[in-house]
Amino acid sequence: MKVKENIREGVVVISVSGKMMGGPDQQECHNRVKELIEDNLPWVVLDMGKVEWLNSSGLGLLMGCLTSCRNAGGEMVVARAGKKVNSLFMLTQVVKVFDTYESIDEAVEVLKEKKGG
């Protein structure tokens, strides 16, 4: 799993690619989210446009990051999830937990409104 990030008007966009199957990369990703929260950046868009697949460990990572953001008064949403990922979200009912968006721009705009500007 590869991770890239950029900040757009106070909203962090984290782009992940590859397979989210557990391991040190995923712990590093959650640690990075925690660092962003410490830097007062708890508003996160997770761009999953290049994620091929995820397993229960990947779902655990998503839930951990979401919980960290919400506990800090922010929010994490998912953008550009592919068909395989969306079907897994539906099957596991994760779709009831995460707000998902077709584009990064739409997700960033929604979070900017939620955070107040």
PDB file of N, CA and C in Angstrom:
ATOM      1  N   MET A   1       0.845  -1.168   0.000  1.00  0.00           N
ATOM      2  CA  MET A   1       0.000   0.000   0.000  1.00  0.00           C
ATOM      3  C   MET A   1       0.897   1.239   0.000  1.00  0.00           C
ATOM      4  N   LYS A   2       0.593   2.165  -0.882  1.00  0.00           N
ATOM      5  CA  LYS A   2       1.318   3.431  -0.947  1.00  0.00           C
ATOM      6  C   LYS A   2       0.407   4.547  -0.482  1.00  0.00           C
ATOM      7  N   VAL A   3       0.980   5.548   0.183  1.00  0.00           N
ATOM      8  CA  VAL A   3       0.206   6.651   0.741  1.00  0.00           C
ATOM      9  C   VAL A   3       0.830   7.977   0.325  1.00  0.00           C
ATOM     10  N   LYS A   4      -0.012   8.877  -0.170  1.00  0.00           N
ATOM     11  CA  LYS A   4       0.403  10.246  -0.485  1.00  0.00           C
ATOM     12  C   LYS A   4      -0.601  11.177   0.169  1.00  0.00           C
ATOM     13  N   GLU A   5      -0.196  12.393   0.454  1.00  0.00           N
ATOM     14  CA  GLU A   5      -1.142  13.330   1.049  1.00  0.00           C
ATOM     15  C   GLU A   5      -0.886  14.745   0.555  1.00  0.00           C
ATOM     16  N   ASN A   6      -1.947  15.536   0.585  1.00  0.00           N
ATOM     17  CA  ASN A   6      -1.835  16.965   0.348  1.00  0.00           C
ATOM     18  C   ASN A   6      -2.946  17.645   1.130  1.00  0.00           C
ATOM     19  N   ILE A   7      -2.783  18.928   1.351  1.00  0.00           N
ATOM     20  CA  ILE A   7      -3.757  19.681   2.134  1.00  0.00           C
ATOM     21  C   ILE A   7      -4.418  20.703   1.232  1.00  0.00           C
ATOM     22  N   ARG A   8      -5.765  20.694   1.263  1.00  0.00           N
ATOM     23  CA  ARG A   8      -6.544  21.619   0.442  1.00  0.00           C
ATOM     24  C   ARG A   8      -7.485  22.392   1.355  1.00  0.00           C
ATOM     25  N   GLU A   9      -7.139  23.635   1.616  1.00  0.00           N
ATOM     26  CA  GLU A   9      -7.970  24.546   2.398  1.00  0.00           C
ATOM     27  C   GLU A   9      -8.357  23.954   3.748  1.00  0.00           C
ATOM     28  N   GLY A  10      -7.364  23.401   4.453  1.00  0.00           N
ATOM     29  CA  GLY A  10      -7.600  22.864   5.780  1.00  0.00           C
ATOM     30  C   GLY A  10      -8.128  21.440   5.811  1.00  0.00           C
ATOM     31  N   VAL A  11      -8.292  20.819   4.652  1.00  0.00           N
ATOM     32  CA  VAL A  11      -8.749  19.432   4.562  1.00  0.00           C
ATOM     33  C   VAL A  11      -7.592  18.609   3.987  1.00  0.00           C
ATOM     34  N   VAL A  12      -7.257  17.532   4.678  1.00  0.00           N
ATOM     35  CA  VAL A  12      -6.169  16.669   4.222  1.00  0.00           C
ATOM     36  C   VAL A  12      -6.731  15.607   3.293  1.00  0.00           C
ATOM     37  N   VAL A  13      -6.125  15.473   2.132  1.00  0.00           N
ATOM     38  CA  VAL A  13      -6.489  14.414   1.193  1.00  0.00           C
ATOM     39  C   VAL A  13      -5.377  13.377   1.238  1.00  0.00           C
ATOM     40  N   ILE A  14      -5.731  12.187   1.707  1.00  0.00           N
ATOM     41  CA  ILE A  14      -4.779  11.079   1.763  1.00  0.00           C
ATOM     42  C   ILE A  14      -5.153  10.114   0.643  1.00  0.00           C
ATOM     43  N   SER A  15      -4.230   9.922  -0.284  1.00  0.00           N
ATOM     44  CA  SER A  15      -4.450   9.011  -1.408  1.00  0.00           C
ATOM     45  C   SER A  15      -3.703   7.718  -1.141  1.00  0.00           C
ATOM     46  N   VAL A  16      -4.440   6.617  -1.157  1.00  0.00           N
ATOM     47  CA  VAL A  16      -3.837   5.309  -0.946  1.00  0.00           C
ATOM     48  C   VAL A  16      -3.978   4.496  -2.227  1.00  0.00           C
ATOM     49  N   SER A  17      -3.029   3.604  -2.442  1.00  0.00           N
ATOM     50  CA  SER A  17      -3.086   2.752  -3.630  1.00  0.00           C
ATOM     51  C   SER A  17      -2.576   1.367  -3.280  1.00  0.00           C
ATOM     52  N   GLY A  18      -2.979   0.408  -4.088  1.00  0.00           N
ATOM     53  CA  GLY A  18      -2.572  -0.976  -3.862  1.00  0.00           C
ATOM     54  C   GLY A  18      -3.603  -1.730  -3.063  1.00  0.00           C
ATOM     55  N   LYS A  19      -3.122  -2.659  -2.248  1.00  0.00           N
ATOM     56  CA  LYS A  19      -4.003  -3.484  -1.432  1.00  0.00           C
ATOM     57  C   LYS A  19      -3.864  -3.087   0.032  1.00  0.00           C
ATOM     58  N   MET A  20      -4.989  -2.964   0.710  1.00  0.00           N
ATOM     59  CA  MET A  20      -4.999  -2.653   2.136  1.00  0.00           C
ATOM     60  C   MET A  20      -5.236  -3.966   2.868  1.00  0.00           C
ATOM     61  N   MET A  21      -4.133  -4.630   3.205  1.00  0.00           N
ATOM     62  CA  MET A  21      -4.229  -5.983   3.750  1.00  0.00           C
ATOM     63  C   MET A  21      -3.520  -6.104   5.102  1.00  0.00           C
ATOM     64  N   GLY A  22      -3.316  -5.028   5.812  1.00  0.00           N
ATOM     65  CA  GLY A  22      -2.645  -5.092   7.105  1.00  0.00           C
ATOM     66  C   GLY A  22      -1.160  -4.856   6.971  1.00  0.00           C
ATOM     67  N   GLY A  23      -0.464  -4.983   8.075  1.00  0.00           N
ATOM     68  CA  GLY A  23       0.977  -4.842   8.075  1.00  0.00           C
ATOM     69  C   GLY A  23       1.442  -3.461   8.486  1.00  0.00           C
ATOM     70  N   PRO A  24       2.752  -3.254   8.448  1.00  0.00           N
ATOM     71  CA  PRO A  24       3.336  -2.006   8.935  1.00  0.00           C
ATOM     72  C   PRO A  24       2.909  -0.764   8.156  1.00  0.00           C
ATOM     73  N   ASP A  25       2.637  -0.908   6.854  1.00  0.00           N
ATOM     74  CA  ASP A  25       2.194   0.249   6.066  1.00  0.00           C
ATOM     75  C   ASP A  25       0.904   0.829   6.628  1.00  0.00           C
ATOM     76  N   GLN A  26       0.002  -0.047   7.012  1.00  0.00           N
ATOM     77  CA  GLN A  26      -1.279   0.434   7.520  1.00  0.00           C
ATOM     78  C   GLN A  26      -1.123   1.098   8.866  1.00  0.00           C
ATOM     79  N   GLN A  27      -0.283   0.543   9.731  1.00  0.00           N
ATOM     80  CA  GLN A  27      -0.059   1.190  11.025  1.00  0.00           C
ATOM     81  C   GLN A  27       0.572   2.558  10.811  1.00  0.00           C
ATOM     82  N   GLU A  28       1.460   2.640   9.834  1.00  0.00           N
ATOM     83  CA  GLU A  28       2.088   3.921   9.504  1.00  0.00           C
ATOM     84  C   GLU A  28       1.035   4.936   9.041  1.00  0.00           C
ATOM     85  N   CYS A  29       0.056   4.468   8.265  1.00  0.00           N
ATOM     86  CA  CYS A  29      -1.016   5.341   7.791  1.00  0.00           C
ATOM     87  C   CYS A  29      -1.832   5.877   8.972  1.00  0.00           C
ATOM     88  N   HIS A  30      -2.212   5.000   9.906  1.00  0.00           N
ATOM     89  CA  HIS A  30      -2.985   5.449  11.067  1.00  0.00           C
ATOM     90  C   HIS A  30      -2.158   6.390  11.930  1.00  0.00           C
ATOM     91  N   ASN A  31      -0.870   6.098  12.090  1.00  0.00           N
ATOM     92  CA  ASN A  31       0.004   6.992  12.847  1.00  0.00           C
ATOM     93  C   ASN A  31       0.067   8.367  12.191  1.00  0.00           C
ATOM     94  N   ARG A  32       0.087   8.390  10.864  1.00  0.00           N
ATOM     95  CA  ARG A  32       0.128   9.680  10.147  1.00  0.00           C
ATOM     96  C   ARG A  32      -1.161  10.461  10.384  1.00  0.00           C
ATOM     97  N   VAL A  33      -2.297   9.774  10.383  1.00  0.00           N
ATOM     98  CA  VAL A  33      -3.572  10.449  10.680  1.00  0.00           C
ATOM     99  C   VAL A  33      -3.519  11.046  12.086  1.00  0.00           C
ATOM    100  N   LYS A  34      -2.979  10.304  13.032  1.00  0.00           N
ATOM    101  CA  LYS A  34      -2.859  10.815  14.404  1.00  0.00           C
ATOM    102  C   LYS A  34      -1.955  12.053  14.460  1.00  0.00           C
ATOM    103  N   GLU A  35      -0.865  12.037  13.683  1.00  0.00           N
ATOM    104  CA  GLU A  35       0.021  13.205  13.615  1.00  0.00           C
ATOM    105  C   GLU A  35      -0.711  14.415  13.040  1.00  0.00           C
ATOM    106  N   LEU A  36      -1.502  14.179  12.000  1.00  0.00           N
ATOM    107  CA  LEU A  36      -2.275  15.276  11.412  1.00  0.00           C
ATOM    108  C   LEU A  36      -3.251  15.857  12.429  1.00  0.00           C
ATOM    109  N   ILE A  37      -3.860  14.989  13.215  1.00  0.00           N
ATOM    110  CA  ILE A  37      -4.786  15.448  14.252  1.00  0.00           C
ATOM    111  C   ILE A  37      -4.044  16.292  15.280  1.00  0.00           C
ATOM    112  N   GLU A  38      -2.848  15.861  15.665  1.00  0.00           N
ATOM    113  CA  GLU A  38      -2.033  16.642  16.598  1.00  0.00           C
ATOM    114  C   GLU A  38      -1.698  18.014  16.020  1.00  0.00           C
ATOM    115  N   ASP A  39      -1.609  18.101  14.694  1.00  0.00           N
ATOM    116  CA  ASP A  39      -1.351  19.367  14.005  1.00  0.00           C
ATOM    117  C   ASP A  39      -2.641  20.135  13.733  1.00  0.00           C
ATOM    118  N   ASN A  40      -3.729  19.719  14.411  1.00  0.00           N
ATOM    119  CA  ASN A  40      -5.046  20.352  14.278  1.00  0.00           C
ATOM    120  C   ASN A  40      -5.613  20.226  12.860  1.00  0.00           C
ATOM    121  N   LEU A  41      -5.434  19.054  12.257  1.00  0.00           N
ATOM    122  CA  LEU A  41      -5.974  18.765  10.924  1.00  0.00           C
ATOM    123  C   LEU A  41      -6.793  17.468  10.976  1.00  0.00           C
ATOM    124  N   PRO A  42      -7.940  17.480  11.705  1.00  0.00           N
ATOM    125  CA  PRO A  42      -8.737  16.262  11.837  1.00  0.00           C
ATOM    126  C   PRO A  42      -9.762  16.053  10.721  1.00  0.00           C
ATOM    127  N   TRP A  43      -9.693  16.828   9.647  1.00  0.00           N
ATOM    128  CA  TRP A  43     -10.646  16.741   8.528  1.00  0.00           C
ATOM    129  C   TRP A  43      -9.946  16.047   7.371  1.00  0.00           C
ATOM    130  N   VAL A  44     -10.354  14.803   7.082  1.00  0.00           N
ATOM    131  CA  VAL A  44      -9.597  13.951   6.164  1.00  0.00           C
ATOM    132  C   VAL A  44     -10.506  13.354   5.090  1.00  0.00           C
ATOM    133  N   VAL A  45     -10.037  13.440   3.843  1.00  0.00           N
ATOM    134  CA  VAL A  45     -10.636  12.718   2.722  1.00  0.00           C
ATOM    135  C   VAL A  45      -9.685  11.582   2.396  1.00  0.00           C
ATOM    136  N   LEU A  46     -10.193  10.371   2.430  1.00  0.00           N
ATOM    137  CA  LEU A  46      -9.394   9.219   2.052  1.00  0.00           C
ATOM    138  C   LEU A  46      -9.734   8.874   0.607  1.00  0.00           C
ATOM    139  N   ASP A  47      -8.783   9.157  -0.292  1.00  0.00           N
ATOM    140  CA  ASP A  47      -8.953   8.875  -1.717  1.00  0.00           C
ATOM    141  C   ASP A  47      -8.579   7.414  -1.961  1.00  0.00           C
ATOM    142  N   MET A  48      -9.598   6.599  -2.262  1.00  0.00           N
ATOM    143  CA  MET A  48      -9.380   5.170  -2.475  1.00  0.00           C
ATOM    144  C   MET A  48      -9.487   4.791  -3.949  1.00  0.00           C
ATOM    145  N   GLY A  49      -9.290   5.761  -4.826  1.00  0.00           N
ATOM    146  CA  GLY A  49      -9.424   5.528  -6.255  1.00  0.00           C
ATOM    147  C   GLY A  49      -8.468   4.506  -6.830  1.00  0.00           C
ATOM    148  N   LYS A  50      -7.349   4.261  -6.169  1.00  0.00           N
ATOM    149  CA  LYS A  50      -6.371   3.303  -6.669  1.00  0.00           C
ATOM    150  C   LYS A  50      -6.190   2.109  -5.736  1.00  0.00           C
ATOM    151  N   VAL A  51      -7.172   1.901  -4.854  1.00  0.00           N
ATOM    152  CA  VAL A  51      -7.119   0.734  -3.975  1.00  0.00           C
ATOM    153  C   VAL A  51      -7.723  -0.451  -4.714  1.00  0.00           C
ATOM    154  N   GLU A  52      -6.944  -1.502  -4.836  1.00  0.00           N
ATOM    155  CA  GLU A  52      -7.385  -2.695  -5.556  1.00  0.00           C
ATOM    156  C   GLU A  52      -8.305  -3.560  -4.703  1.00  0.00           C
ATOM    157  N   TRP A  53      -7.985  -3.677  -3.423  1.00  0.00           N
ATOM    158  CA  TRP A  53      -8.758  -4.540  -2.542  1.00  0.00           C
ATOM    159  C   TRP A  53      -8.386  -4.240  -1.102  1.00  0.00           C
ATOM    160  N   LEU A  54      -9.278  -4.576  -0.175  1.00  0.00           N
ATOM    161  CA  LEU A  54      -8.954  -4.493   1.231  1.00  0.00           C
ATOM    162  C   LEU A  54      -9.612  -5.658   1.955  1.00  0.00           C
ATOM    163  N   ASN A  55      -8.993  -6.059   3.052  1.00  0.00           N
ATOM    164  CA  ASN A  55      -9.539  -7.147   3.853  1.00  0.00           C
ATOM    165  C   ASN A  55      -9.977  -6.585   5.203  1.00  0.00           C
ATOM    166  N   SER A  56     -10.218  -7.473   6.163  1.00  0.00           N
ATOM    167  CA  SER A  56     -10.700  -7.014   7.468  1.00  0.00           C
ATOM    168  C   SER A  56      -9.690  -6.107   8.160  1.00  0.00           C
ATOM    169  N   SER A  57      -8.406  -6.345   7.943  1.00  0.00           N
ATOM    170  CA  SER A  57      -7.390  -5.447   8.519  1.00  0.00           C
ATOM    171  C   SER A  57      -7.487  -4.057   7.902  1.00  0.00           C
ATOM    172  N   GLY A  58      -7.749  -4.004   6.611  1.00  0.00           N
ATOM    173  CA  GLY A  58      -7.937  -2.711   5.943  1.00  0.00           C
ATOM    174  C   GLY A  58      -9.165  -1.987   6.465  1.00  0.00           C
ATOM    175  N   LEU A  59     -10.244  -2.734   6.674  1.00  0.00           N
ATOM    176  CA  LEU A  59     -11.449  -2.136   7.253  1.00  0.00           C
ATOM    177  C   LEU A  59     -11.169  -1.636   8.664  1.00  0.00           C
ATOM    178  N   GLY A  60     -10.377  -2.394   9.405  1.00  0.00           N
ATOM    179  CA  GLY A  60      -9.996  -1.966  10.754  1.00  0.00           C
ATOM    180  C   GLY A  60      -9.215  -0.667  10.735  1.00  0.00           C
ATOM    181  N   LEU A  61      -8.319  -0.533   9.756  1.00  0.00           N
ATOM    182  CA  LEU A  61      -7.568   0.713   9.601  1.00  0.00           C
ATOM    183  C   LEU A  61      -8.516   1.881   9.356  1.00  0.00           C
ATOM    184  N   LEU A  62      -9.466   1.694   8.453  1.00  0.00           N
ATOM    185  CA  LEU A  62     -10.424   2.757   8.147  1.00  0.00           C
ATOM    186  C   LEU A  62     -11.205   3.159   9.390  1.00  0.00           C
ATOM    187  N   MET A  63     -11.670   2.170  10.141  1.00  0.00           N
ATOM    188  CA  MET A  63     -12.445   2.463  11.346  1.00  0.00           C
ATOM    189  C   MET A  63     -11.594   3.176  12.391  1.00  0.00           C
ATOM    190  N   GLY A  64     -10.345   2.758  12.545  1.00  0.00           N
ATOM    191  CA  GLY A  64      -9.450   3.409  13.501  1.00  0.00           C
ATOM    192  C   GLY A  64      -9.187   4.864  13.141  1.00  0.00           C
ATOM    193  N   CYS A  65      -8.952   5.121  11.865  1.00  0.00           N
ATOM    194  CA  CYS A  65      -8.710   6.495  11.408  1.00  0.00           C
ATOM    195  C   CYS A  65      -9.958   7.356  11.596  1.00  0.00           C
ATOM    196  N   LEU A  66     -11.117   6.792  11.251  1.00  0.00           N
ATOM    197  CA  LEU A  66     -12.373   7.517  11.417  1.00  0.00           C
ATOM    198  C   LEU A  66     -12.611   7.869  12.877  1.00  0.00           C
ATOM    199  N   THR A  67     -12.410   6.912  13.756  1.00  0.00           N
ATOM    200  CA  THR A  67     -12.605   7.142  15.189  1.00  0.00           C
ATOM    201  C   THR A  67     -11.655   8.215  15.704  1.00  0.00           C
ATOM    202  N   SER A  68     -10.399   8.168  15.280  1.00  0.00           N
ATOM    203  CA  SER A  68      -9.428   9.175  15.703  1.00  0.00           C
ATOM    204  C   SER A  68      -9.854  10.567  15.261  1.00  0.00           C
ATOM    205  N   CYS A  69     -10.295  10.685  13.999  1.00  0.00           N
ATOM    206  CA  CYS A  69     -10.737  11.994  13.485  1.00  0.00           C
ATOM    207  C   CYS A  69     -11.948  12.503  14.254  1.00  0.00           C
ATOM    208  N   ARG A  70     -12.927  11.652  14.462  1.00  0.00           N
ATOM    209  CA  ARG A  70     -14.142  12.070  15.161  1.00  0.00           C
ATOM    210  C   ARG A  70     -13.861  12.430  16.617  1.00  0.00           C
ATOM    211  N   ASN A  71     -12.989  11.670  17.278  1.00  0.00           N
ATOM    212  CA  ASN A  71     -12.638  11.985  18.666  1.00  0.00           C
ATOM    213  C   ASN A  71     -11.943  13.332  18.786  1.00  0.00           C
ATOM    214  N   ALA A  72     -11.331  13.793  17.695  1.00  0.00           N
ATOM    215  CA  ALA A  72     -10.654  15.089  17.675  1.00  0.00           C
ATOM    216  C   ALA A  72     -11.569  16.213  17.185  1.00  0.00           C
ATOM    217  N   GLY A  73     -12.848  15.898  16.985  1.00  0.00           N
ATOM    218  CA  GLY A  73     -13.799  16.914  16.529  1.00  0.00           C
ATOM    219  C   GLY A  73     -13.849  17.087  15.029  1.00  0.00           C
ATOM    220  N   GLY A  74     -13.236  16.176  14.295  1.00  0.00           N
ATOM    221  CA  GLY A  74     -13.221  16.252  12.838  1.00  0.00           C
ATOM    222  C   GLY A  74     -14.048  15.154  12.205  1.00  0.00           C
ATOM    223  N   GLU A  75     -13.677  14.795  10.991  1.00  0.00           N
ATOM    224  CA  GLU A  75     -14.410  13.782  10.238  1.00  0.00           C
ATOM    225  C   GLU A  75     -13.495  13.210   9.167  1.00  0.00           C
ATOM    226  N   MET A  76     -13.745  11.966   8.802  1.00  0.00           N
ATOM    227  CA  MET A  76     -13.059  11.352   7.672  1.00  0.00           C
ATOM    228  C   MET A  76     -14.118  10.802   6.736  1.00  0.00           C
ATOM    229  N   VAL A  77     -13.949  11.060   5.451  1.00  0.00           N
ATOM    230  CA  VAL A  77     -14.856  10.541   4.430  1.00  0.00           C
ATOM    231  C   VAL A  77     -14.027   9.817   3.378  1.00  0.00           C
ATOM    232  N   VAL A  78     -14.706   9.021   2.574  1.00  0.00           N
ATOM    233  CA  VAL A  78     -14.049   8.241   1.522  1.00  0.00           C
ATOM    234  C   VAL A  78     -14.444   8.818   0.167  1.00  0.00           C
ATOM    235  N   ALA A  79     -13.472   8.919  -0.727  1.00  0.00           N
ATOM    236  CA  ALA A  79     -13.735   9.384  -2.093  1.00  0.00           C
ATOM    237  C   ALA A  79     -13.194   8.369  -3.091  1.00  0.00           C
ATOM    238  N   ARG A  80     -13.892   8.258  -4.217  1.00  0.00           N
ATOM    239  CA  ARG A  80     -13.468   7.497  -5.385  1.00  0.00           C
ATOM    240  C   ARG A  80     -13.258   6.006  -5.136  1.00  0.00           C
ATOM    241  N   ALA A  81     -13.996   5.414  -4.222  1.00  0.00           N
ATOM    242  CA  ALA A  81     -13.861   3.970  -3.993  1.00  0.00           C
ATOM    243  C   ALA A  81     -14.346   3.226  -5.242  1.00  0.00           C
ATOM    244  N   GLY A  82     -13.602   2.223  -5.645  1.00  0.00           N
ATOM    245  CA  GLY A  82     -13.954   1.450  -6.834  1.00  0.00           C
ATOM    246  C   GLY A  82     -15.062   0.444  -6.560  1.00  0.00           C
ATOM    247  N   LYS A  83     -15.434  -0.286  -7.599  1.00  0.00           N
ATOM    248  CA  LYS A  83     -16.543  -1.245  -7.501  1.00  0.00           C
ATOM    249  C   LYS A  83     -16.283  -2.325  -6.460  1.00  0.00           C
ATOM    250  N   LYS A  84     -15.082  -2.896  -6.438  1.00  0.00           N
ATOM    251  CA  LYS A  84     -14.776  -3.956  -5.479  1.00  0.00           C
ATOM    252  C   LYS A  84     -14.854  -3.436  -4.046  1.00  0.00           C
ATOM    253  N   VAL A  85     -14.285  -2.273  -3.823  1.00  0.00           N
ATOM    254  CA  VAL A  85     -14.295  -1.690  -2.479  1.00  0.00           C
ATOM    255  C   VAL A  85     -15.721  -1.327  -2.079  1.00  0.00           C
ATOM    256  N   ASN A  86     -16.483  -0.710  -2.984  1.00  0.00           N
ATOM    257  CA  ASN A  86     -17.874  -0.366  -2.679  1.00  0.00           C
ATOM    258  C   ASN A  86     -18.706  -1.602  -2.366  1.00  0.00           C
ATOM    259  N   SER A  87     -18.481  -2.685  -3.103  1.00  0.00           N
ATOM    260  CA  SER A  87     -19.256  -3.895  -2.831  1.00  0.00           C
ATOM    261  C   SER A  87     -18.901  -4.465  -1.456  1.00  0.00           C
ATOM    262  N   LEU A  88     -17.647  -4.382  -1.070  1.00  0.00           N
ATOM    263  CA  LEU A  88     -17.245  -4.823   0.265  1.00  0.00           C
ATOM    264  C   LEU A  88     -17.862  -3.913   1.332  1.00  0.00           C
ATOM    265  N   PHE A  89     -17.894  -2.609   1.067  1.00  0.00           N
ATOM    266  CA  PHE A  89     -18.534  -1.672   2.005  1.00  0.00           C
ATOM    267  C   PHE A  89     -20.010  -2.031   2.194  1.00  0.00           C
ATOM    268  N   MET A  90     -20.683  -2.395   1.098  1.00  0.00           N
ATOM    269  CA  MET A  90     -22.099  -2.766   1.185  1.00  0.00           C
ATOM    270  C   MET A  90     -22.265  -4.076   1.959  1.00  0.00           C
ATOM    271  N   LEU A  91     -21.458  -5.050   1.639  1.00  0.00           N
ATOM    272  CA  LEU A  91     -21.549  -6.362   2.262  1.00  0.00           C
ATOM    273  C   LEU A  91     -21.314  -6.296   3.771  1.00  0.00           C
ATOM    274  N   THR A  92     -20.356  -5.486   4.189  1.00  0.00           N
ATOM    275  CA  THR A  92     -20.002  -5.389   5.609  1.00  0.00           C
ATOM    276  C   THR A  92     -20.767  -4.288   6.341  1.00  0.00           C
ATOM    277  N   GLN A  93     -21.615  -3.578   5.621  1.00  0.00           N
ATOM    278  CA  GLN A  93     -22.417  -2.481   6.177  1.00  0.00           C
ATOM    279  C   GLN A  93     -21.573  -1.275   6.589  1.00  0.00           C
ATOM    280  N   VAL A  94     -20.322  -1.222   6.158  1.00  0.00           N
ATOM    281  CA  VAL A  94     -19.461  -0.063   6.432  1.00  0.00           C
ATOM    282  C   VAL A  94     -20.043   1.180   5.768  1.00  0.00           C
ATOM    283  N   VAL A  95     -20.817   0.982   4.729  1.00  0.00           N
ATOM    284  CA  VAL A  95     -21.442   2.092   4.014  1.00  0.00           C
ATOM    285  C   VAL A  95     -22.333   2.917   4.945  1.00  0.00           C
ATOM    286  N   LYS A  96     -22.792   2.317   6.036  1.00  0.00           N
ATOM    287  CA  LYS A  96     -23.615   3.043   7.004  1.00  0.00           C
ATOM    288  C   LYS A  96     -22.780   3.921   7.936  1.00  0.00           C
ATOM    289  N   VAL A  97     -21.480   3.677   7.948  1.00  0.00           N
ATOM    290  CA  VAL A  97     -20.579   4.397   8.848  1.00  0.00           C
ATOM    291  C   VAL A  97     -19.876   5.551   8.143  1.00  0.00           C
ATOM    292  N   PHE A  98     -19.455   5.321   6.904  1.00  0.00           N
ATOM    293  CA  PHE A  98     -18.689   6.310   6.154  1.00  0.00           C
ATOM    294  C   PHE A  98     -19.548   7.052   5.152  1.00  0.00           C
ATOM    295  N   ASP A  99     -19.330   8.344   5.040  1.00  0.00           N
ATOM    296  CA  ASP A  99     -19.868   9.089   3.915  1.00  0.00           C
ATOM    297  C   ASP A  99     -18.908   8.861   2.757  1.00  0.00           C
ATOM    298  N   THR A 100     -19.452   8.537   1.595  1.00  0.00           N
ATOM    299  CA  THR A 100     -18.620   8.289   0.423  1.00  0.00           C
ATOM    300  C   THR A 100     -19.001   9.254  -0.690  1.00  0.00           C
ATOM    301  N   TYR A 101     -18.014   9.638  -1.482  1.00  0.00           N
ATOM    302  CA  TYR A 101     -18.212  10.613  -2.551  1.00  0.00           C
ATOM    303  C   TYR A 101     -17.543  10.134  -3.824  1.00  0.00           C
ATOM    304  N   GLU A 102     -18.111  10.545  -4.946  1.00  0.00           N
ATOM    305  CA  GLU A 102     -17.589  10.160  -6.258  1.00  0.00           C
ATOM    306  C   GLU A 102     -16.277  10.870  -6.590  1.00  0.00           C
ATOM    307  N   SER A 103     -16.103  12.092  -6.072  1.00  0.00           N
ATOM    308  CA  SER A 103     -14.903  12.855  -6.414  1.00  0.00           C
ATOM    309  C   SER A 103     -14.245  13.433  -5.162  1.00  0.00           C
ATOM    310  N   ILE A 104     -12.968  13.695  -5.285  1.00  0.00           N
ATOM    311  CA  ILE A 104     -12.219  14.328  -4.199  1.00  0.00           C
ATOM    312  C   ILE A 104     -12.733  15.743  -3.981  1.00  0.00           C
ATOM    313  N   ASP A 105     -12.988  16.474  -5.068  1.00  0.00           N
ATOM    314  CA  ASP A 105     -13.467  17.856  -4.939  1.00  0.00           C
ATOM    315  C   ASP A 105     -14.753  17.932  -4.139  1.00  0.00           C
ATOM    316  N   GLU A 106     -15.695  17.044  -4.430  1.00  0.00           N
ATOM    317  CA  GLU A 106     -16.964  17.035  -3.708  1.00  0.00           C
ATOM    318  C   GLU A 106     -16.736  16.737  -2.223  1.00  0.00           C
ATOM    319  N   ALA A 107     -15.892  15.759  -1.924  1.00  0.00           N
ATOM    320  CA  ALA A 107     -15.607  15.396  -0.537  1.00  0.00           C
ATOM    321  C   ALA A 107     -14.954  16.552   0.214  1.00  0.00           C
ATOM    322  N   VAL A 108     -14.001  17.222  -0.432  1.00  0.00           N
ATOM    323  CA  VAL A 108     -13.328  18.366   0.199  1.00  0.00           C
ATOM    324  C   VAL A 108     -14.333  19.480   0.489  1.00  0.00           C
ATOM    325  N   GLU A 109     -15.205  19.778  -0.452  1.00  0.00           N
ATOM    326  CA  GLU A 109     -16.209  20.834  -0.254  1.00  0.00           C
ATOM    327  C   GLU A 109     -17.131  20.518   0.920  1.00  0.00           C
ATOM    328  N   VAL A 110     -17.567  19.271   1.029  1.00  0.00           N
ATOM    329  CA  VAL A 110     -18.458  18.875   2.122  1.00  0.00           C
ATOM    330  C   VAL A 110     -17.734  19.041   3.462  1.00  0.00           C
ATOM    331  N   LEU A 111     -16.491  18.605   3.541  1.00  0.00           N
ATOM    332  CA  LEU A 111     -15.761  18.750   4.805  1.00  0.00           C
ATOM    333  C   LEU A 111     -15.457  20.199   5.140  1.00  0.00           C
ATOM    334  N   LYS A 112     -15.178  21.002   4.129  1.00  0.00           N
ATOM    335  CA  LYS A 112     -14.968  22.436   4.389  1.00  0.00           C
ATOM    336  C   LYS A 112     -16.223  23.052   5.001  1.00  0.00           C
ATOM    337  N   GLU A 113     -17.388  22.692   4.498  1.00  0.00           N
ATOM    338  CA  GLU A 113     -18.639  23.201   5.051  1.00  0.00           C
ATOM    339  C   GLU A 113     -18.860  22.711   6.469  1.00  0.00           C
ATOM    340  N   LYS A 114     -18.579  21.431   6.722  1.00  0.00           N
ATOM    341  CA  LYS A 114     -18.760  20.863   8.061  1.00  0.00           C
ATOM    342  C   LYS A 114     -17.856  21.522   9.086  1.00  0.00           C
ATOM    343  N   LYS A 115     -16.628  21.850   8.667  1.00  0.00           N
ATOM    344  CA  LYS A 115     -15.696  22.438   9.628  1.00  0.00           C
ATOM    345  C   LYS A 115     -15.884  23.950   9.758  1.00  0.00           C
ATOM    346  N   GLY A 116     -16.740  24.498   8.936  1.00  0.00           N
ATOM    347  CA  GLY A 116     -17.055  25.914   9.075  1.00  0.00           C
ATOM    348  C   GLY A 116     -16.224  26.840   8.223  1.00  0.00           C
ATOM    349  N   GLY A 117     -15.941  26.430   7.009  1.00  0.00           N
ATOM    350  CA  GLY A 117     -15.270  27.370   6.139  1.00  0.00           C
ATOM    351  C   GLY A 117     -14.181  26.761   5.390  1.00  0.00           C
TER     352      GLY A 117
END
